[in-house]
Protein backbone atom coordinates (compact mmCIF):
# COMPACT_ATOMS: atom_id res chain seq x y z
CA ALA A 1 0.00 0.00 0.00
CA SER A 2 1.26 3.43 -0.92
CA ALA A 3 1.23 6.34 1.52
CA ARG A 4 1.09 8.89 -1.30
CA THR A 5 -2.06 10.99 -1.46
CA ASP A 6 -1.46 12.69 -4.83
CA ILE A 7 -2.35 9.58 -6.86
CA ARG A 8 -5.90 9.53 -8.17
CA ASP A 9 -7.91 6.33 -8.33
CA CYS A 10 -9.29 5.97 -11.86
CA SER A 11 -10.78 2.55 -11.14
CA THR A 12 -13.90 3.94 -9.47
CA ASP A 13 -17.20 3.93 -11.31
CA PRO A 14 -17.65 6.57 -12.63
CA PRO A 15 -13.95 7.40 -12.84
CA TYR A 16 -12.52 10.43 -11.08
CA LEU A 17 -12.97 13.67 -13.00
CA PRO A 18 -11.41 16.99 -12.07
CA PRO A 19 -13.82 19.77 -11.04
CA THR A 20 -13.17 21.57 -14.34
CA ALA A 21 -14.34 18.60 -16.46
CA THR A 22 -17.36 19.19 -18.68
CA ASN A 23 -19.80 16.43 -19.60
CA THR A 24 -20.09 16.82 -23.36
CA THR A 25 -22.03 13.62 -24.05
CA ALA A 26 -25.29 15.39 -24.99
CA ARG A 27 -23.52 18.02 -27.11
CA LEU A 28 -21.62 15.43 -29.10
CA ALA A 29 -24.72 13.25 -29.51
CA ALA A 30 -26.64 16.27 -30.86
CA LEU A 31 -23.92 16.72 -33.48
CA ARG A 32 -23.47 13.04 -34.32
CA ALA A 33 -27.18 12.35 -34.91
CA PRO A 34 -27.61 14.56 -38.00
CA MET A 35 -24.13 13.56 -39.20
CA GLY A 36 -25.18 9.90 -39.17
CA ALA A 37 -28.44 10.66 -40.94
CA ARG A 38 -26.52 12.42 -43.73
CA ARG A 39 -23.68 9.88 -43.75
CA VAL A 40 -21.12 12.52 -42.81
CA ASP A 41 -17.97 11.01 -41.29
CA ALA A 42 -16.15 14.15 -40.16
CA TYR A 43 -16.88 17.66 -39.00
CA ILE A 44 -14.20 20.32 -38.62
CA VAL A 45 -14.59 22.51 -35.55
CA PRO A 46 -12.41 25.60 -35.90
CA SER A 47 -10.44 26.77 -32.90
CA THR A 48 -10.26 30.35 -34.19
CA ASP A 49 -12.78 33.11 -34.67
CA ALA A 50 -13.96 34.52 -38.00
CA HIS A 51 -11.00 36.92 -38.10
CA MET A 52 -8.30 34.34 -37.27
CA SER A 53 -7.43 36.28 -34.10
CA GLU A 54 -4.70 34.97 -31.85
CA TYR A 55 -6.88 35.36 -28.76
CA ILE A 56 -10.56 34.56 -29.18
CA ALA A 57 -13.58 35.63 -27.16
CA GLU A 58 -15.33 33.03 -25.00
CA ARG A 59 -18.33 33.10 -27.36
CA ASP A 60 -16.07 31.88 -30.19
CA ALA A 61 -14.57 28.94 -28.28
CA ARG A 62 -16.55 26.33 -30.22
CA LEU A 63 -14.06 23.49 -29.78
CA GLY A 64 -13.96 23.91 -26.01
CA TRP A 65 -17.73 24.10 -25.74
CA LEU A 66 -18.36 21.05 -27.91
CA THR A 67 -15.61 18.73 -26.71
CA GLY A 68 -14.35 20.18 -23.44
CA PHE A 69 -10.83 20.45 -24.91
CA THR A 70 -9.24 23.79 -24.08
CA GLY A 71 -5.55 22.92 -24.45
C-alpha cells in the first residue's frame, strides 16, 4: 500500500474527474445524430474566430464548448 495521497484512483465507477471537467455527451450526440443521418464522417470545428485572431472571445470557443478540450 502506498502512503502517497497525490495519486488519483481511476478505477472507481464513474472514474474520477477533475472539477473543471465538462460532460459533453449530450452536445456530441446532438452533433453526431444529423451527421449519421446524412452519412457525414467528419466535422471540422475551428479553434479560431472569424477573423483568425490569436486570442478569441469566449463566445467563439466552439471546440472547447463542444468537446471540453481547451488545451
